[in-house]
């Protein structure tokens, strides 16, 4: 699984405590790939300590990888890096801010077996009206301009199979949006949605604000709609992220 992290020092312990027992209960081989998006706090150091304790207590092989990016590239780039560097047959992505419940993972993986991509969304959307409106505008861009399948709503809590990840690897340019790549390149992919019970209010809050949602939607339209339509033969050599090191 891939988890982008950024300044998560205050809640990474809680995420770890709820996530690891769930993964250990699975009758599957698993691996976590944390992608640090230029954190300036001690998030990575905390994960290294937690990883060492896990190995010492369980006697198991290391199942936790950490990639540090060489700067702050944004959540989408961090997720994309994790997908490109992942090894599994199925890859689950989730946020680090406790908005996605780890206890849902077994049901999530089971439901994804017949699909290429499965998006999980909360049963109740408790975000502000402005954030909900921003998501609706983004979804319209996906549907009308990027040919997203009707009825499919994207989100950052999702499961990919290896086929879908391989399809979107190798993207170039300073900005990447994972769901936009899926909709643009994955016309034949089988996608679906599933609902999960909204977790109780958490100490960590989502980092998305009204401003960040607007900026993200404008970037989405610029890089995935305007440039392909109006700038012919546009090519990029730059990758959407630069890796600093893997720990």
C-alpha atoms as a PDB file:
ATOM      1  CA  UNK A   1       0.000   0.000   0.000  1.00  0.00           C
ATOM      2  CA  UNK A   2       1.050   3.591  -0.634  1.00  0.00           C
ATOM      3  CA  UNK A   3       0.647   6.381   1.930  1.00  0.00           C
ATOM      4  CA  UNK A   4       1.815   9.931   1.109  1.00  0.00           C
ATOM      5  CA  UNK A   5       2.975  11.743   4.236  1.00  0.00           C
ATOM      6  CA  UNK A   6       3.616  15.392   4.952  1.00  0.00           C
ATOM      7  CA  UNK A   7       4.184  16.931   8.376  1.00  0.00           C
ATOM      8  CA  UNK A   8       2.407  13.975   9.988  1.00  0.00           C
ATOM      9  CA  UNK A   9       4.421  13.853  13.201  1.00  0.00           C
ATOM     10  CA  UNK A  10       1.447  14.628  15.447  1.00  0.00           C
ATOM     11  CA  UNK A  11      -0.700  11.725  14.245  1.00  0.00           C
ATOM     12  CA  UNK A  12       1.575   9.145  12.579  1.00  0.00           C
ATOM     13  CA  UNK A  13       1.688   7.054  15.778  1.00  0.00           C
ATOM     14  CA  UNK A  14      -2.102   6.800  15.857  1.00  0.00           C
ATOM     15  CA  UNK A  15      -2.232   5.839  12.186  1.00  0.00           C
ATOM     16  CA  UNK A  16       0.418   3.163  12.756  1.00  0.00           C
ATOM     17  CA  UNK A  17      -1.351   1.733  15.811  1.00  0.00           C
ATOM     18  CA  UNK A  18      -4.618   1.329  13.918  1.00  0.00           C
ATOM     19  CA  UNK A  19      -3.117   0.175  10.606  1.00  0.00           C
ATOM     20  CA  UNK A  20      -0.505  -2.452  11.488  1.00  0.00           C
ATOM     21  CA  UNK A  21      -2.861  -4.865  13.362  1.00  0.00           C
ATOM     22  CA  UNK A  22      -5.258  -4.797  10.411  1.00  0.00           C
ATOM     23  CA  UNK A  23      -2.495  -5.659   7.938  1.00  0.00           C
ATOM     24  CA  UNK A  24      -1.143  -8.387  10.208  1.00  0.00           C
ATOM     25  CA  UNK A  25      -4.589  -9.990  10.303  1.00  0.00           C
ATOM     26  CA  UNK A  26      -4.717 -10.325   6.515  1.00  0.00           C
ATOM     27  CA  UNK A  27      -3.857 -13.678   4.985  1.00  0.00           C
ATOM     28  CA  UNK A  28      -1.836 -11.837   2.383  1.00  0.00           C
ATOM     29  CA  UNK A  29       1.704 -10.655   1.802  1.00  0.00           C
ATOM     30  CA  UNK A  30       1.736  -6.897   2.383  1.00  0.00           C
ATOM     31  CA  UNK A  31       4.077  -3.929   2.284  1.00  0.00           C
ATOM     32  CA  UNK A  32       3.665  -0.267   3.208  1.00  0.00           C
ATOM     33  CA  UNK A  33       5.402   2.384   1.141  1.00  0.00           C
ATOM     34  CA  UNK A  34       5.414   5.775   2.868  1.00  0.00           C
ATOM     35  CA  UNK A  35       6.311   8.634   0.517  1.00  0.00           C
ATOM     36  CA  UNK A  36       7.452  11.712   2.435  1.00  0.00           C
ATOM     37  CA  UNK A  37       6.656  14.879   0.501  1.00  0.00           C
ATOM     38  CA  UNK A  38       9.366  17.102   1.950  1.00  0.00           C
ATOM     39  CA  UNK A  39       8.334  17.128   5.618  1.00  0.00           C
ATOM     40  CA  UNK A  40      10.431  19.399   7.820  1.00  0.00           C
ATOM     41  CA  UNK A  41       9.311  17.768  11.084  1.00  0.00           C
ATOM     42  CA  UNK A  42      10.321  14.381  12.522  1.00  0.00           C
ATOM     43  CA  UNK A  43       7.709  12.290  10.677  1.00  0.00           C
ATOM     44  CA  UNK A  44      10.278  10.081   8.945  1.00  0.00           C
ATOM     45  CA  UNK A  45      12.291   9.591  12.120  1.00  0.00           C
ATOM     46  CA  UNK A  46       9.161   8.447  13.946  1.00  0.00           C
ATOM     47  CA  UNK A  47       8.346   5.913  11.230  1.00  0.00           C
ATOM     48  CA  UNK A  48      11.902   4.579  11.330  1.00  0.00           C
ATOM     49  CA  UNK A  49      11.560   4.018  15.077  1.00  0.00           C
ATOM     50  CA  UNK A  50       8.159   2.356  14.674  1.00  0.00           C
ATOM     51  CA  UNK A  51       9.544   0.131  11.922  1.00  0.00           C
ATOM     52  CA  UNK A  52      12.485  -0.967  14.070  1.00  0.00           C
ATOM     53  CA  UNK A  53      10.155  -1.793  16.969  1.00  0.00           C
ATOM     54  CA  UNK A  54       7.890  -3.808  14.659  1.00  0.00           C
ATOM     55  CA  UNK A  55      10.773  -5.869  13.298  1.00  0.00           C
ATOM     56  CA  UNK A  56      12.183  -6.527  16.776  1.00  0.00           C
ATOM     57  CA  UNK A  57       8.837  -7.519  18.288  1.00  0.00           C
ATOM     58  CA  UNK A  58       7.508  -9.622  15.420  1.00  0.00           C
ATOM     59  CA  UNK A  59      10.770 -11.044  14.136  1.00  0.00           C
ATOM     60  CA  UNK A  60       9.398 -10.478  10.650  1.00  0.00           C
ATOM     61  CA  UNK A  61      11.166  -9.178   7.600  1.00  0.00           C
ATOM     62  CA  UNK A  62      10.969  -5.472   6.920  1.00  0.00           C
ATOM     63  CA  UNK A  63       7.611  -4.685   5.349  1.00  0.00           C
ATOM     64  CA  UNK A  64       7.848  -0.904   5.560  1.00  0.00           C
ATOM     65  CA  UNK A  65       9.638   1.200   2.962  1.00  0.00           C
ATOM     66  CA  UNK A  66      10.135   4.966   3.147  1.00  0.00           C
ATOM     67  CA  UNK A  67      10.866   7.202   0.182  1.00  0.00           C
ATOM     68  CA  UNK A  68      11.893  10.799   0.743  1.00  0.00           C
ATOM     69  CA  UNK A  69      11.214  13.244  -2.063  1.00  0.00           C
ATOM     70  CA  UNK A  70      13.667  16.022  -2.796  1.00  0.00           C
ATOM     71  CA  UNK A  71      11.248  18.808  -1.922  1.00  0.00           C
ATOM     72  CA  UNK A  72       7.520  19.411  -1.579  1.00  0.00           C
ATOM     73  CA  UNK A  73       5.825  18.268  -4.803  1.00  0.00           C
ATOM     74  CA  UNK A  74       2.242  17.823  -3.585  1.00  0.00           C
ATOM     75  CA  UNK A  75       0.123  14.882  -2.545  1.00  0.00           C
ATOM     76  CA  UNK A  76      -0.671  13.718  -6.077  1.00  0.00           C
ATOM     77  CA  UNK A  77       3.018  13.535  -6.999  1.00  0.00           C
ATOM     78  CA  UNK A  78       3.815  11.666  -3.784  1.00  0.00           C
ATOM     79  CA  UNK A  79       1.092   9.100  -4.490  1.00  0.00           C
ATOM     80  CA  UNK A  80       2.261   8.763  -8.078  1.00  0.00           C
ATOM     81  CA  UNK A  81       5.819   8.167  -6.923  1.00  0.00           C
ATOM     82  CA  UNK A  82       4.581   5.424  -4.617  1.00  0.00           C
ATOM     83  CA  UNK A  83       2.609   3.781  -7.407  1.00  0.00           C
ATOM     84  CA  UNK A  84       5.607   3.819  -9.738  1.00  0.00           C
ATOM     85  CA  UNK A  85       7.846   2.326  -7.041  1.00  0.00           C
ATOM     86  CA  UNK A  86       5.323  -0.245  -5.788  1.00  0.00           C
ATOM     87  CA  UNK A  87       5.700  -4.005  -6.248  1.00  0.00           C
ATOM     88  CA  UNK A  88       2.364  -5.571  -5.340  1.00  0.00           C
ATOM     89  CA  UNK A  89      -0.336  -7.178  -7.457  1.00  0.00           C
ATOM     90  CA  UNK A  90      -2.836  -4.825  -5.829  1.00  0.00           C
ATOM     91  CA  UNK A  91      -1.968  -1.401  -4.452  1.00  0.00           C
ATOM     92  CA  UNK A  92      -4.125   0.445  -1.939  1.00  0.00           C
ATOM     93  CA  UNK A  93      -3.643   4.180  -1.437  1.00  0.00           C
ATOM     94  CA  UNK A  94      -4.822   6.101   1.607  1.00  0.00           C
ATOM     95  CA  UNK A  95      -4.144   9.442   3.269  1.00  0.00           C
ATOM     96  CA  UNK A  96      -2.095   9.924   6.427  1.00  0.00           C
ATOM     97  CA  UNK A  97      -4.612  12.213   8.177  1.00  0.00           C
ATOM     98  CA  UNK A  98      -6.850   9.520   9.737  1.00  0.00           C
ATOM     99  CA  UNK A  99      -9.752  10.278   7.397  1.00  0.00           C
ATOM    100  CA  UNK A 100      -9.629   6.762   5.887  1.00  0.00           C
ATOM    101  CA  UNK A 101     -10.436   3.924   8.358  1.00  0.00           C
ATOM    102  CA  UNK A 102      -7.872   1.081   8.331  1.00  0.00           C
ATOM    103  CA  UNK A 103     -10.520  -1.330   9.659  1.00  0.00           C
ATOM    104  CA  UNK A 104     -12.254  -1.082   6.280  1.00  0.00           C
ATOM    105  CA  UNK A 105      -9.227  -2.453   4.402  1.00  0.00           C
ATOM    106  CA  UNK A 106     -10.156  -6.198   4.498  1.00  0.00           C
ATOM    107  CA  UNK A 107     -13.616  -5.510   3.046  1.00  0.00           C
ATOM    108  CA  UNK A 108     -12.103  -3.048   0.581  1.00  0.00           C
ATOM    109  CA  UNK A 109      -9.588  -5.556  -0.772  1.00  0.00           C
ATOM    110  CA  UNK A 110     -12.212  -8.275  -1.020  1.00  0.00           C
ATOM    111  CA  UNK A 111     -14.572  -6.048  -3.001  1.00  0.00           C
ATOM    112  CA  UNK A 112     -11.784  -5.004  -5.405  1.00  0.00           C
ATOM    113  CA  UNK A 113     -10.932  -8.472  -6.690  1.00  0.00           C
ATOM    114  CA  UNK A 114     -13.048  -8.321  -9.859  1.00  0.00           C
ATOM    115  CA  UNK A 115     -12.167  -4.714 -10.707  1.00  0.00           C
ATOM    116  CA  UNK A 116      -9.151  -2.847 -12.032  1.00  0.00           C
ATOM    117  CA  UNK A 117      -9.754   0.199  -9.805  1.00  0.00           C
ATOM    118  CA  UNK A 118     -12.093   0.597  -6.835  1.00  0.00           C
ATOM    119  CA  UNK A 119     -12.674   3.973  -5.160  1.00  0.00           C
ATOM    120  CA  UNK A 120     -13.991   4.140  -1.571  1.00  0.00           C
ATOM    121  CA  UNK A 121     -16.057   7.114  -0.476  1.00  0.00           C
ATOM    122  CA  UNK A 122     -17.594   7.973   2.917  1.00  0.00           C
ATOM    123  CA  UNK A 123     -21.298   7.226   3.378  1.00  0.00           C
ATOM    124  CA  UNK A 124     -21.775  10.739   4.729  1.00  0.00           C
ATOM    125  CA  UNK A 125     -19.861  13.666   3.274  1.00  0.00           C
ATOM    126  CA  UNK A 126     -19.318  15.909   6.294  1.00  0.00           C
ATOM    127  CA  UNK A 127     -17.076  18.418   4.571  1.00  0.00           C
ATOM    128  CA  UNK A 128     -18.038  22.057   4.181  1.00  0.00           C
ATOM    129  CA  UNK A 129     -20.411  23.090   1.399  1.00  0.00           C
ATOM    130  CA  UNK A 130     -17.525  24.786  -0.416  1.00  0.00           C
ATOM    131  CA  UNK A 131     -15.353  21.654  -0.445  1.00  0.00           C
ATOM    132  CA  UNK A 132     -18.279  19.526  -1.621  1.00  0.00           C
ATOM    133  CA  UNK A 133     -18.919  22.029  -4.418  1.00  0.00           C
ATOM    134  CA  UNK A 134     -15.241  21.913  -5.410  1.00  0.00           C
ATOM    135  CA  UNK A 135     -15.354  18.119  -5.654  1.00  0.00           C
ATOM    136  CA  UNK A 136     -18.461  18.293  -7.832  1.00  0.00           C
ATOM    137  CA  UNK A 137     -16.739  20.707 -10.200  1.00  0.00           C
ATOM    138  CA  UNK A 138     -13.711  18.412 -10.401  1.00  0.00           C
ATOM    139  CA  UNK A 139     -15.954  15.420 -11.115  1.00  0.00           C
ATOM    140  CA  UNK A 140     -17.636  17.338 -13.946  1.00  0.00           C
ATOM    141  CA  UNK A 141     -14.253  18.016 -15.496  1.00  0.00           C
ATOM    142  CA  UNK A 142     -13.457  14.311 -15.247  1.00  0.00           C
ATOM    143  CA  UNK A 143     -16.767  13.261 -16.792  1.00  0.00           C
ATOM    144  CA  UNK A 144     -17.179  15.877 -19.533  1.00  0.00           C
ATOM    145  CA  UNK A 145     -13.590  16.431 -20.638  1.00  0.00           C
ATOM    146  CA  UNK A 146     -11.647  13.329 -19.578  1.00  0.00           C
ATOM    147  CA  UNK A 147     -14.342  10.742 -20.330  1.00  0.00           C
ATOM    148  CA  UNK A 148     -14.621   9.368 -16.817  1.00  0.00           C
ATOM    149  CA  UNK A 149     -17.119   6.472 -16.664  1.00  0.00           C
ATOM    150  CA  UNK A 150     -20.593   7.695 -15.765  1.00  0.00           C
ATOM    151  CA  UNK A 151     -21.400   7.146 -12.115  1.00  0.00           C
ATOM    152  CA  UNK A 152     -17.779   6.733 -11.027  1.00  0.00           C
ATOM    153  CA  UNK A 153     -16.636   9.131  -8.319  1.00  0.00           C
ATOM    154  CA  UNK A 154     -12.874   9.277  -7.694  1.00  0.00           C
ATOM    155  CA  UNK A 155     -11.168   9.599  -4.334  1.00  0.00           C
ATOM    156  CA  UNK A 156      -7.767   9.106  -2.738  1.00  0.00           C
ATOM    157  CA  UNK A 157      -8.848   5.953  -0.842  1.00  0.00           C
ATOM    158  CA  UNK A 158      -8.637   3.361  -3.626  1.00  0.00           C
ATOM    159  CA  UNK A 159      -7.326  -0.003  -4.749  1.00  0.00           C
ATOM    160  CA  UNK A 160      -5.530  -0.508  -8.064  1.00  0.00           C
ATOM    161  CA  UNK A 161      -4.552  -3.782  -9.669  1.00  0.00           C
ATOM    162  CA  UNK A 162      -1.134  -4.078 -11.298  1.00  0.00           C
ATOM    163  CA  UNK A 163      -2.593  -3.668 -14.794  1.00  0.00           C
ATOM    164  CA  UNK A 164      -4.033  -0.227 -13.976  1.00  0.00           C
ATOM    165  CA  UNK A 165      -0.842   0.980 -12.268  1.00  0.00           C
ATOM    166  CA  UNK A 166       1.328  -0.115 -15.198  1.00  0.00           C
ATOM    167  CA  UNK A 167      -1.026   1.755 -17.528  1.00  0.00           C
ATOM    168  CA  UNK A 168      -0.383   5.134 -15.881  1.00  0.00           C
ATOM    169  CA  UNK A 169       3.324   4.783 -15.149  1.00  0.00           C
ATOM    170  CA  UNK A 170       5.855   6.915 -16.995  1.00  0.00           C
ATOM    171  CA  UNK A 171       3.952  10.204 -16.966  1.00  0.00           C
ATOM    172  CA  UNK A 172       6.094  13.314 -17.461  1.00  0.00           C
ATOM    173  CA  UNK A 173       5.514  16.949 -16.540  1.00  0.00           C
ATOM    174  CA  UNK A 174       5.534  19.167 -13.457  1.00  0.00           C
ATOM    175  CA  UNK A 175       1.985  18.220 -12.421  1.00  0.00           C
ATOM    176  CA  UNK A 176       0.273  14.855 -12.159  1.00  0.00           C
ATOM    177  CA  UNK A 177      -3.263  13.929 -11.124  1.00  0.00           C
ATOM    178  CA  UNK A 178      -3.625  10.190 -10.639  1.00  0.00           C
ATOM    179  CA  UNK A 179      -7.374   9.906 -11.313  1.00  0.00           C
ATOM    180  CA  UNK A 180      -7.057  12.085 -14.428  1.00  0.00           C
ATOM    181  CA  UNK A 181      -4.389   9.729 -15.785  1.00  0.00           C
ATOM    182  CA  UNK A 182      -6.658   6.763 -15.109  1.00  0.00           C
ATOM    183  CA  UNK A 183      -9.584   8.306 -16.952  1.00  0.00           C
ATOM    184  CA  UNK A 184      -7.435   9.486 -19.865  1.00  0.00           C
ATOM    185  CA  UNK A 185      -5.529   6.256 -20.421  1.00  0.00           C
ATOM    186  CA  UNK A 186      -7.804   3.625 -18.905  1.00  0.00           C
ATOM    187  CA  UNK A 187     -10.869   3.614 -21.104  1.00  0.00           C
ATOM    188  CA  UNK A 188     -11.083  -0.168 -20.938  1.00  0.00           C
ATOM    189  CA  UNK A 189     -10.508  -0.463 -17.200  1.00  0.00           C
ATOM    190  CA  UNK A 190     -13.276  -1.809 -14.974  1.00  0.00           C
ATOM    191  CA  UNK A 191     -13.867   0.730 -12.193  1.00  0.00           C
ATOM    192  CA  UNK A 192     -16.266   0.908  -9.283  1.00  0.00           C
ATOM    193  CA  UNK A 193     -17.232   2.665  -6.064  1.00  0.00           C
ATOM    194  CA  UNK A 194     -17.846   1.391  -2.562  1.00  0.00           C
ATOM    195  CA  UNK A 195     -18.996   3.242   0.546  1.00  0.00           C
ATOM    196  CA  UNK A 196     -17.385   3.074   3.968  1.00  0.00           C
ATOM    197  CA  UNK A 197     -18.716   4.196   7.298  1.00  0.00           C
ATOM    198  CA  UNK A 198     -17.514   7.657   8.165  1.00  0.00           C
ATOM    199  CA  UNK A 199     -15.032   7.415  11.060  1.00  0.00           C
ATOM    200  CA  UNK A 200     -15.590   9.487  14.212  1.00  0.00           C
ATOM    201  CA  UNK A 201     -14.050  12.946  14.300  1.00  0.00           C
ATOM    202  CA  UNK A 202     -10.279  12.588  14.414  1.00  0.00           C
ATOM    203  CA  UNK A 203      -7.589  14.717  15.958  1.00  0.00           C
ATOM    204  CA  UNK A 204      -6.050  15.185  12.515  1.00  0.00           C
ATOM    205  CA  UNK A 205      -8.088  17.148  10.004  1.00  0.00           C
ATOM    206  CA  UNK A 206      -8.010  16.950   6.235  1.00  0.00           C
ATOM    207  CA  UNK A 207      -5.456  19.351   4.748  1.00  0.00           C
ATOM    208  CA  UNK A 208      -7.705  20.286   1.855  1.00  0.00           C
ATOM    209  CA  UNK A 209      -9.079  23.807   2.073  1.00  0.00           C
ATOM    210  CA  UNK A 210     -11.265  25.851  -0.236  1.00  0.00           C
ATOM    211  CA  UNK A 211      -8.194  27.517  -1.742  1.00  0.00           C
ATOM    212  CA  UNK A 212      -6.240  24.293  -2.270  1.00  0.00           C
ATOM    213  CA  UNK A 213      -9.250  22.651  -3.937  1.00  0.00           C
ATOM    214  CA  UNK A 214      -9.634  25.575  -6.361  1.00  0.00           C
ATOM    215  CA  UNK A 215      -5.905  25.577  -7.180  1.00  0.00           C
ATOM    216  CA  UNK A 216      -5.943  21.823  -7.760  1.00  0.00           C
ATOM    217  CA  UNK A 217      -8.952  22.039 -10.083  1.00  0.00           C
ATOM    218  CA  UNK A 218      -7.343  24.867 -12.092  1.00  0.00           C
ATOM    219  CA  UNK A 219      -4.138  22.858 -12.455  1.00  0.00           C
ATOM    220  CA  UNK A 220      -6.161  19.830 -13.514  1.00  0.00           C
ATOM    221  CA  UNK A 221      -7.855  21.820 -16.272  1.00  0.00           C
ATOM    222  CA  UNK A 222      -4.604  23.457 -17.415  1.00  0.00           C
ATOM    223  CA  UNK A 223      -2.465  20.322 -17.648  1.00  0.00           C
ATOM    224  CA  UNK A 224      -5.096  17.764 -18.668  1.00  0.00           C
ATOM    225  CA  UNK A 225      -7.488  19.828 -20.800  1.00  0.00           C
ATOM    226  CA  UNK A 226      -6.012  23.112 -22.086  1.00  0.00           C
ATOM    227  CA  UNK A 227      -2.472  21.993 -22.942  1.00  0.00           C
ATOM    228  CA  UNK A 228      -3.493  18.765 -24.765  1.00  0.00           C
ATOM    229  CA  UNK A 229      -6.181  20.646 -26.742  1.00  0.00           C
ATOM    230  CA  UNK A 230      -4.394  23.835 -27.708  1.00  0.00           C
ATOM    231  CA  UNK A 231      -0.645  23.220 -27.501  1.00  0.00           C
ATOM    232  CA  UNK A 232       0.264  20.687 -30.139  1.00  0.00           C
ATOM    233  CA  UNK A 233       3.312  18.433 -29.893  1.00  0.00           C
ATOM    234  CA  UNK A 234       3.785  19.485 -26.285  1.00  0.00           C
ATOM    235  CA  UNK A 235       6.324  17.214 -24.611  1.00  0.00           C
ATOM    236  CA  UNK A 236       7.757  17.224 -21.120  1.00  0.00           C
ATOM    237  CA  UNK A 237      10.993  15.663 -19.901  1.00  0.00           C
ATOM    238  CA  UNK A 238      10.510  16.573 -16.252  1.00  0.00           C
ATOM    239  CA  UNK A 239       9.095  13.946 -13.901  1.00  0.00           C
ATOM    240  CA  UNK A 240       6.376  15.034 -11.445  1.00  0.00           C
ATOM    241  CA  UNK A 241       8.668  14.159  -8.521  1.00  0.00           C
ATOM    242  CA  UNK A 242      12.339  13.761  -7.654  1.00  0.00           C
ATOM    243  CA  UNK A 243      13.384  11.040  -5.236  1.00  0.00           C
ATOM    244  CA  UNK A 244      15.950  11.974  -2.633  1.00  0.00           C
ATOM    245  CA  UNK A 245      16.466   8.594  -0.954  1.00  0.00           C
ATOM    246  CA  UNK A 246      14.805   5.345   0.067  1.00  0.00           C
ATOM    247  CA  UNK A 247      15.152   4.196   3.655  1.00  0.00           C
END
